[in-house]
């Protein structure tokens, strides 16, 4: 498994396929692409945190296993061992929990 450094967070992306109430999966081409929307995932790993200007380590605010919300246009997407992962900065996480 990858180990993030600094204030980076490694998130496994959740399947975001749109479905109708009848269970039909809508292709991505039908979705509105110009509207920013939040995306969800589960934290796989976190870095040790970032160093402030005063030299103090600021610990990450999320922990492995937590479900997080983030802007869909942030981070670097990759596939590792068949998992869709996203590496993003801790400050790009909008919310945790749920």
N, C-alpha and C. Protein backbone atom coordinates (compact mmCIF):
# COMPACT_ATOMS: atom_id res chain seq x y z
N UNK A 1 0.84 -1.19 0.00
CA UNK A 1 0.00 0.00 0.00
C UNK A 1 0.88 1.24 0.00
N UNK A 2 0.41 2.26 -0.66
CA UNK A 2 1.13 3.52 -0.67
C UNK A 2 1.03 4.21 0.68
N UNK A 3 2.06 4.95 1.03
CA UNK A 3 2.09 5.70 2.28
C UNK A 3 2.21 7.19 1.94
N UNK A 4 1.15 7.97 2.16
CA UNK A 4 1.22 9.39 1.84
C UNK A 4 2.23 10.11 2.73
N UNK A 5 2.80 11.18 2.21
CA UNK A 5 3.73 11.99 2.99
C UNK A 5 3.09 13.36 3.24
N UNK A 6 3.63 14.09 4.18
CA UNK A 6 3.12 15.42 4.49
C UNK A 6 1.66 15.38 4.89
N UNK A 7 0.89 16.33 4.35
CA UNK A 7 -0.53 16.39 4.72
C UNK A 7 -1.42 15.74 3.65
N UNK A 8 -0.88 14.80 2.90
CA UNK A 8 -1.67 14.12 1.87
C UNK A 8 -2.53 13.00 2.47
N UNK A 9 -3.66 12.75 1.81
CA UNK A 9 -4.60 11.72 2.22
C UNK A 9 -4.86 10.82 1.02
N UNK A 10 -4.82 9.50 1.22
CA UNK A 10 -5.10 8.53 0.18
C UNK A 10 -6.52 8.01 0.39
N UNK A 11 -7.39 8.21 -0.62
CA UNK A 11 -8.81 7.90 -0.50
C UNK A 11 -9.20 6.88 -1.57
N UNK A 12 -9.94 5.82 -1.16
CA UNK A 12 -10.51 4.90 -2.14
C UNK A 12 -11.84 5.48 -2.59
N UNK A 13 -11.99 5.68 -3.90
CA UNK A 13 -13.18 6.30 -4.44
C UNK A 13 -14.37 5.36 -4.38
N UNK A 14 -15.53 5.93 -4.07
CA UNK A 14 -16.77 5.17 -4.10
C UNK A 14 -17.32 5.18 -5.51
N UNK A 15 -18.05 4.14 -5.86
CA UNK A 15 -18.69 4.07 -7.17
C UNK A 15 -19.72 5.17 -7.26
N UNK A 16 -19.60 6.02 -8.27
CA UNK A 16 -20.51 7.15 -8.38
C UNK A 16 -21.45 7.03 -9.58
N UNK A 17 -21.72 5.83 -10.04
CA UNK A 17 -22.62 5.64 -11.16
C UNK A 17 -24.02 6.10 -10.78
N UNK A 18 -24.63 6.88 -11.64
CA UNK A 18 -25.98 7.36 -11.41
C UNK A 18 -26.98 6.27 -11.78
N UNK A 19 -27.97 6.06 -10.94
CA UNK A 19 -28.99 5.06 -11.19
C UNK A 19 -30.37 5.70 -11.13
N UNK A 20 -31.27 5.19 -11.95
CA UNK A 20 -32.65 5.63 -11.89
C UNK A 20 -33.34 4.87 -10.77
N UNK A 21 -34.53 5.30 -10.33
CA UNK A 21 -35.24 4.56 -9.28
C UNK A 21 -35.48 3.09 -9.66
N UNK A 22 -35.55 2.77 -10.95
CA UNK A 22 -35.74 1.39 -11.39
C UNK A 22 -34.46 0.58 -11.42
N UNK A 23 -33.30 1.22 -11.15
CA UNK A 23 -32.03 0.51 -11.09
C UNK A 23 -31.20 0.58 -12.37
N UNK A 24 -31.63 1.35 -13.35
CA UNK A 24 -30.88 1.47 -14.61
C UNK A 24 -29.71 2.43 -14.39
N UNK A 25 -28.51 2.00 -14.80
CA UNK A 25 -27.32 2.83 -14.66
C UNK A 25 -27.26 3.79 -15.84
N UNK A 26 -27.13 5.09 -15.52
CA UNK A 26 -27.02 6.11 -16.56
C UNK A 26 -25.55 6.29 -16.93
N UNK A 27 -25.24 6.35 -18.22
CA UNK A 27 -23.85 6.57 -18.61
C UNK A 27 -23.37 7.96 -18.20
N UNK A 28 -22.07 8.07 -18.01
CA UNK A 28 -21.48 9.33 -17.58
C UNK A 28 -21.77 10.47 -18.55
N UNK A 29 -21.94 10.16 -19.81
CA UNK A 29 -22.18 11.19 -20.82
C UNK A 29 -23.48 11.93 -20.57
N UNK A 30 -24.42 11.33 -19.87
CA UNK A 30 -25.69 11.98 -19.61
C UNK A 30 -25.65 12.90 -18.39
N UNK A 31 -24.62 12.79 -17.59
CA UNK A 31 -24.51 13.62 -16.40
C UNK A 31 -24.05 15.02 -16.77
N UNK A 32 -24.41 15.99 -15.93
CA UNK A 32 -23.91 17.35 -16.15
C UNK A 32 -22.46 17.39 -15.69
N UNK A 33 -21.56 17.70 -16.60
CA UNK A 33 -20.13 17.69 -16.26
C UNK A 33 -19.63 19.05 -15.81
N UNK A 34 -20.34 20.12 -16.13
CA UNK A 34 -19.86 21.46 -15.81
C UNK A 34 -20.16 21.87 -14.38
N UNK A 35 -21.03 21.16 -13.71
CA UNK A 35 -21.40 21.50 -12.35
C UNK A 35 -20.47 20.80 -11.37
N UNK A 36 -19.69 21.55 -10.58
CA UNK A 36 -18.88 20.88 -9.58
C UNK A 36 -19.79 20.20 -8.56
N UNK A 37 -19.47 19.00 -8.21
CA UNK A 37 -20.24 18.34 -7.17
C UNK A 37 -19.31 17.53 -6.29
N UNK A 38 -19.78 17.30 -5.10
CA UNK A 38 -18.95 16.58 -4.14
C UNK A 38 -18.87 15.11 -4.50
N UNK A 39 -17.79 14.50 -4.10
CA UNK A 39 -17.55 13.09 -4.33
C UNK A 39 -17.21 12.47 -2.97
N UNK A 40 -17.51 11.20 -2.81
CA UNK A 40 -17.27 10.51 -1.54
C UNK A 40 -16.26 9.38 -1.71
N UNK A 41 -15.56 9.09 -0.63
CA UNK A 41 -14.62 7.98 -0.61
C UNK A 41 -14.27 7.60 0.81
N UNK A 42 -13.49 6.52 0.95
CA UNK A 42 -13.07 6.05 2.26
C UNK A 42 -11.55 6.22 2.37
N UNK A 43 -11.10 6.81 3.48
CA UNK A 43 -9.68 7.07 3.71
C UNK A 43 -8.94 5.75 3.88
N UNK A 44 -7.92 5.53 3.07
CA UNK A 44 -7.07 4.35 3.16
C UNK A 44 -5.86 4.62 4.04
N UNK A 45 -5.25 5.80 3.87
CA UNK A 45 -4.04 6.14 4.64
C UNK A 45 -3.89 7.65 4.69
N UNK A 46 -3.22 8.14 5.72
CA UNK A 46 -2.95 9.58 5.86
C UNK A 46 -1.48 9.79 6.15
N UNK A 47 -0.98 10.94 5.73
CA UNK A 47 0.40 11.30 6.04
C UNK A 47 0.52 11.78 7.47
N UNK A 48 1.73 12.08 7.93
CA UNK A 48 1.93 12.50 9.32
C UNK A 48 1.39 13.89 9.62
N UNK A 49 1.14 14.71 8.61
CA UNK A 49 0.65 16.07 8.81
C UNK A 49 1.57 17.07 8.15
N UNK A 50 1.27 18.34 8.36
CA UNK A 50 2.10 19.38 7.76
C UNK A 50 2.81 20.17 8.86
N UNK A 51 3.89 20.82 8.48
CA UNK A 51 4.67 21.63 9.41
C UNK A 51 4.23 23.08 9.25
N UNK A 52 3.88 23.74 10.36
CA UNK A 52 3.48 25.15 10.30
C UNK A 52 4.72 26.03 10.12
N UNK A 53 4.49 27.29 9.91
CA UNK A 53 5.62 28.24 9.76
C UNK A 53 6.47 28.32 11.02
N UNK A 54 5.87 28.00 12.16
CA UNK A 54 6.60 28.03 13.43
C UNK A 54 7.28 26.71 13.74
N UNK A 55 7.19 25.74 12.81
CA UNK A 55 7.85 24.46 12.99
C UNK A 55 7.06 23.44 13.78
N UNK A 56 5.77 23.69 13.97
CA UNK A 56 4.92 22.78 14.74
C UNK A 56 4.23 21.82 13.77
N UNK A 57 4.20 20.52 14.11
CA UNK A 57 3.51 19.54 13.29
C UNK A 57 2.01 19.65 13.52
N UNK A 58 1.26 19.85 12.45
CA UNK A 58 -0.20 19.92 12.52
C UNK A 58 -0.72 18.59 12.01
N UNK A 59 -1.31 17.81 12.92
CA UNK A 59 -1.77 16.45 12.60
C UNK A 59 -2.96 16.50 11.64
N UNK A 60 -3.13 15.46 10.82
CA UNK A 60 -4.28 15.40 9.91
C UNK A 60 -5.58 15.30 10.70
N UNK A 61 -6.67 15.78 10.10
CA UNK A 61 -7.96 15.79 10.78
C UNK A 61 -8.80 14.55 10.47
N UNK A 62 -8.32 13.68 9.61
CA UNK A 62 -9.06 12.46 9.28
C UNK A 62 -8.20 11.25 9.62
N UNK A 63 -8.87 10.09 9.76
CA UNK A 63 -8.18 8.85 10.10
C UNK A 63 -8.53 7.78 9.07
N UNK A 64 -7.67 6.78 8.91
CA UNK A 64 -8.01 5.68 8.00
C UNK A 64 -9.33 5.03 8.41
N UNK A 65 -10.14 4.72 7.39
CA UNK A 65 -11.44 4.10 7.63
C UNK A 65 -12.59 5.08 7.60
N UNK A 66 -12.32 6.37 7.77
CA UNK A 66 -13.39 7.38 7.75
C UNK A 66 -13.88 7.62 6.33
N UNK A 67 -15.17 7.92 6.21
CA UNK A 67 -15.75 8.29 4.92
C UNK A 67 -15.63 9.81 4.80
N UNK A 68 -15.12 10.29 3.66
CA UNK A 68 -14.89 11.72 3.48
C UNK A 68 -15.55 12.23 2.20
N UNK A 69 -15.83 13.52 2.20
CA UNK A 69 -16.40 14.22 1.06
C UNK A 69 -15.35 15.22 0.56
N UNK A 70 -15.21 15.33 -0.76
CA UNK A 70 -14.22 16.24 -1.33
C UNK A 70 -14.71 16.68 -2.70
N UNK A 71 -14.13 17.76 -3.21
CA UNK A 71 -14.47 18.28 -4.54
C UNK A 71 -13.98 17.29 -5.59
N UNK A 72 -14.81 16.96 -6.55
CA UNK A 72 -14.47 15.94 -7.54
C UNK A 72 -13.31 16.33 -8.45
N UNK A 73 -12.95 17.60 -8.51
CA UNK A 73 -11.89 18.04 -9.41
C UNK A 73 -10.57 18.26 -8.70
N UNK A 74 -10.38 17.69 -7.54
CA UNK A 74 -9.14 17.81 -6.78
C UNK A 74 -8.39 16.49 -6.76
N UNK A 75 -7.11 16.55 -6.49
CA UNK A 75 -6.30 15.36 -6.29
C UNK A 75 -5.82 14.69 -7.56
N UNK A 76 -5.09 13.59 -7.37
CA UNK A 76 -4.53 12.80 -8.46
C UNK A 76 -5.10 11.40 -8.37
N UNK A 77 -5.81 10.98 -9.42
CA UNK A 77 -6.44 9.66 -9.43
C UNK A 77 -5.45 8.63 -9.95
N UNK A 78 -5.50 7.42 -9.37
CA UNK A 78 -4.63 6.33 -9.78
C UNK A 78 -5.31 5.00 -9.48
N UNK A 79 -4.80 3.93 -10.08
CA UNK A 79 -5.29 2.58 -9.81
C UNK A 79 -4.13 1.78 -9.23
N UNK A 80 -4.31 1.24 -8.04
CA UNK A 80 -3.28 0.45 -7.37
C UNK A 80 -3.93 -0.85 -6.90
N UNK A 81 -3.41 -1.98 -7.35
CA UNK A 81 -3.95 -3.30 -7.00
C UNK A 81 -5.44 -3.40 -7.29
N UNK A 82 -5.88 -2.80 -8.39
CA UNK A 82 -7.28 -2.88 -8.79
C UNK A 82 -8.21 -1.92 -8.07
N UNK A 83 -7.71 -1.10 -7.16
CA UNK A 83 -8.52 -0.13 -6.44
C UNK A 83 -8.36 1.25 -7.07
N UNK A 84 -9.49 1.98 -7.24
CA UNK A 84 -9.43 3.37 -7.70
C UNK A 84 -9.13 4.25 -6.50
N UNK A 85 -7.95 4.86 -6.49
CA UNK A 85 -7.52 5.69 -5.38
C UNK A 85 -7.32 7.12 -5.82
N UNK A 86 -7.44 8.03 -4.87
CA UNK A 86 -7.22 9.44 -5.11
C UNK A 86 -6.28 9.96 -4.03
N UNK A 87 -5.22 10.64 -4.45
CA UNK A 87 -4.28 11.24 -3.51
C UNK A 87 -4.58 12.73 -3.50
N UNK A 88 -5.00 13.26 -2.33
CA UNK A 88 -5.31 14.68 -2.26
C UNK A 88 -4.78 15.27 -0.97
N UNK A 89 -4.65 16.58 -0.95
CA UNK A 89 -4.17 17.28 0.23
C UNK A 89 -5.23 17.25 1.31
N UNK A 90 -4.82 17.24 2.55
CA UNK A 90 -5.75 17.22 3.67
C UNK A 90 -6.70 18.40 3.65
N UNK A 91 -6.24 19.56 3.17
CA UNK A 91 -7.08 20.74 3.14
C UNK A 91 -8.18 20.66 2.08
N UNK A 92 -8.08 19.70 1.15
CA UNK A 92 -9.10 19.52 0.13
C UNK A 92 -10.27 18.64 0.59
N UNK A 93 -10.14 18.03 1.77
CA UNK A 93 -11.24 17.25 2.33
C UNK A 93 -12.25 18.25 2.89
N UNK A 94 -13.50 18.14 2.43
CA UNK A 94 -14.54 19.08 2.83
C UNK A 94 -15.26 18.67 4.10
N UNK A 95 -15.46 17.36 4.28
CA UNK A 95 -16.20 16.86 5.45
C UNK A 95 -15.81 15.41 5.68
N UNK A 96 -16.01 14.96 6.93
CA UNK A 96 -15.73 13.56 7.28
C UNK A 96 -16.90 13.02 8.09
N UNK A 97 -17.09 11.72 7.98
CA UNK A 97 -18.17 11.08 8.74
C UNK A 97 -19.18 10.47 7.81
N UNK A 98 -20.41 10.42 8.24
CA UNK A 98 -21.58 9.89 7.49
C UNK A 98 -21.39 8.46 7.22
